[in-house]
Protein backbone atom coordinates (compact mmCIF):
# COMPACT_ATOMS: atom_id res chain seq x y z
CA UNK A 1 27.54 31.97 -34.95
CA UNK A 2 28.56 28.48 -33.08
CA UNK A 3 28.32 28.51 -29.76
CA UNK A 4 24.25 27.73 -30.27
CA UNK A 5 25.08 24.82 -32.41
CA UNK A 6 27.41 23.20 -29.93
CA UNK A 7 25.79 24.07 -26.82
CA UNK A 8 22.80 22.29 -28.43
CA UNK A 9 25.03 19.18 -29.63
CA UNK A 10 26.38 18.91 -26.42
CA UNK A 11 23.35 18.55 -24.26
CA UNK A 12 21.68 16.17 -26.91
CA UNK A 13 24.19 14.24 -25.93
CA UNK A 14 23.78 14.14 -22.41
CA UNK A 15 20.77 13.81 -22.78
CA UNK A 16 21.25 10.40 -24.82
CA UNK A 17 23.86 9.12 -22.19
CA UNK A 18 21.52 10.49 -19.07
CA UNK A 19 18.61 8.26 -21.18
CA UNK A 20 20.82 5.35 -21.76
CA UNK A 21 21.98 5.42 -17.47
CA UNK A 22 18.26 5.66 -16.34
CA UNK A 23 18.01 2.17 -18.90
CA UNK A 24 20.52 0.75 -17.34
CA UNK A 25 19.44 1.51 -14.40
CA UNK A 26 15.94 -0.15 -14.55
CA UNK A 27 17.19 -3.34 -15.86
CA UNK A 28 19.11 -3.49 -13.44
CA UNK A 29 16.59 -2.60 -10.78
CA UNK A 30 14.48 -5.00 -12.33
CA UNK A 31 17.37 -7.82 -12.86
CA UNK A 32 17.43 -7.74 -8.95
CA UNK A 33 14.09 -8.56 -8.08
CA UNK A 34 13.85 -10.95 -10.10
CA UNK A 35 16.41 -12.94 -8.48
CA UNK A 36 15.02 -11.72 -5.21
CA UNK A 37 11.91 -12.64 -5.89
CA UNK A 38 13.21 -16.81 -7.08
CA UNK A 39 15.12 -16.78 -3.78
CA UNK A 40 11.57 -16.06 -1.95
CA UNK A 41 9.95 -18.43 -3.96
CA UNK A 42 12.75 -21.02 -3.28
CA UNK A 43 12.27 -20.24 0.84
CA UNK A 44 9.30 -21.27 0.63
CA UNK A 45 9.45 -24.78 -1.02
CA UNK A 46 12.99 -25.43 1.58
CA UNK A 47 10.68 -24.07 4.55
CA UNK A 48 7.36 -25.95 2.71
CA UNK A 49 9.82 -28.91 2.20
CA UNK A 50 11.50 -29.04 6.58
CA UNK A 51 8.14 -28.39 7.86
CA UNK A 52 7.13 -31.80 5.19
CA UNK A 53 10.22 -33.55 6.08
CA UNK A 54 9.26 -32.00 10.53
CA UNK A 55 6.09 -34.51 10.42
CA UNK A 56 7.09 -37.52 8.52
CA UNK A 57 9.34 -37.54 12.26
CA UNK A 58 6.68 -36.66 14.46
CA UNK A 59 4.92 -39.90 12.91
CA UNK A 60 8.20 -42.36 12.95
CA UNK A 61 8.48 -41.46 16.94
CA UNK A 62 4.68 -42.67 17.45
CA UNK A 63 5.65 -45.52 15.69
CA UNK A 64 8.67 -45.32 17.30
CA UNK A 65 6.51 -45.17 20.67
CA UNK A 66 4.06 -48.04 19.76
CA UNK A 67 6.55 -50.66 18.03
CA UNK A 68 8.04 -50.71 22.35
CA UNK A 69 4.42 -50.63 23.80
CA UNK A 70 3.61 -53.51 21.11
CA UNK A 71 7.38 -55.39 21.82
CA UNK A 72 6.39 -54.98 25.59
CA UNK A 73 3.04 -56.17 25.48
CA UNK A 74 4.89 -59.34 24.08
CA UNK A 75 2.73 -58.93 20.73
CA UNK A 76 5.47 -58.27 18.37
CA UNK A 77 8.73 -59.20 17.66
CA UNK A 78 11.61 -56.17 18.78
CA UNK A 79 12.87 -56.27 14.63
CA UNK A 80 9.28 -54.64 14.87
CA UNK A 81 11.48 -51.24 17.43
CA UNK A 82 14.33 -52.00 15.49
CA UNK A 83 12.47 -51.28 11.90
CA UNK A 84 11.28 -48.17 13.24
CA UNK A 85 13.65 -46.74 14.85
CA UNK A 86 16.14 -47.46 11.80
CA UNK A 87 13.04 -46.04 10.20
CA UNK A 88 13.20 -42.93 12.35
CA UNK A 89 16.90 -42.15 12.75
CA UNK A 90 16.28 -41.88 8.49
CA UNK A 91 13.95 -39.50 8.80
CA UNK A 92 15.73 -37.68 11.76
CA UNK A 93 19.03 -37.57 8.49
CA UNK A 94 17.01 -36.35 7.02
CA UNK A 95 15.53 -33.04 8.61
CA UNK A 96 19.19 -33.10 9.94
CA UNK A 97 18.63 -33.46 13.37
CA UNK A 98 19.81 -36.41 14.72
CA UNK A 99 19.73 -37.03 18.72
CA UNK A 100 23.64 -37.35 20.27
């Protein structure tokens, strides 16, 4: 007489537990995907910043080369070479590429 009621109640509780577990798993997956998305955006921003710093290093290397040429030609003082080298050091340090 009570067998059907007990079995039906057990199935309802089991179904509810499965539903709750599924919802929890979906929340975990959604959170994980959000974290991955955030990380990918951060990586893209860092890559863009690194590219910008690399361009700055390249430009300041050219400035050092030109400052040396002007000095060697007698068109400028040596402090301009030193200033360009200092700017290059700052740019390379920002990029993390300090030559030894």
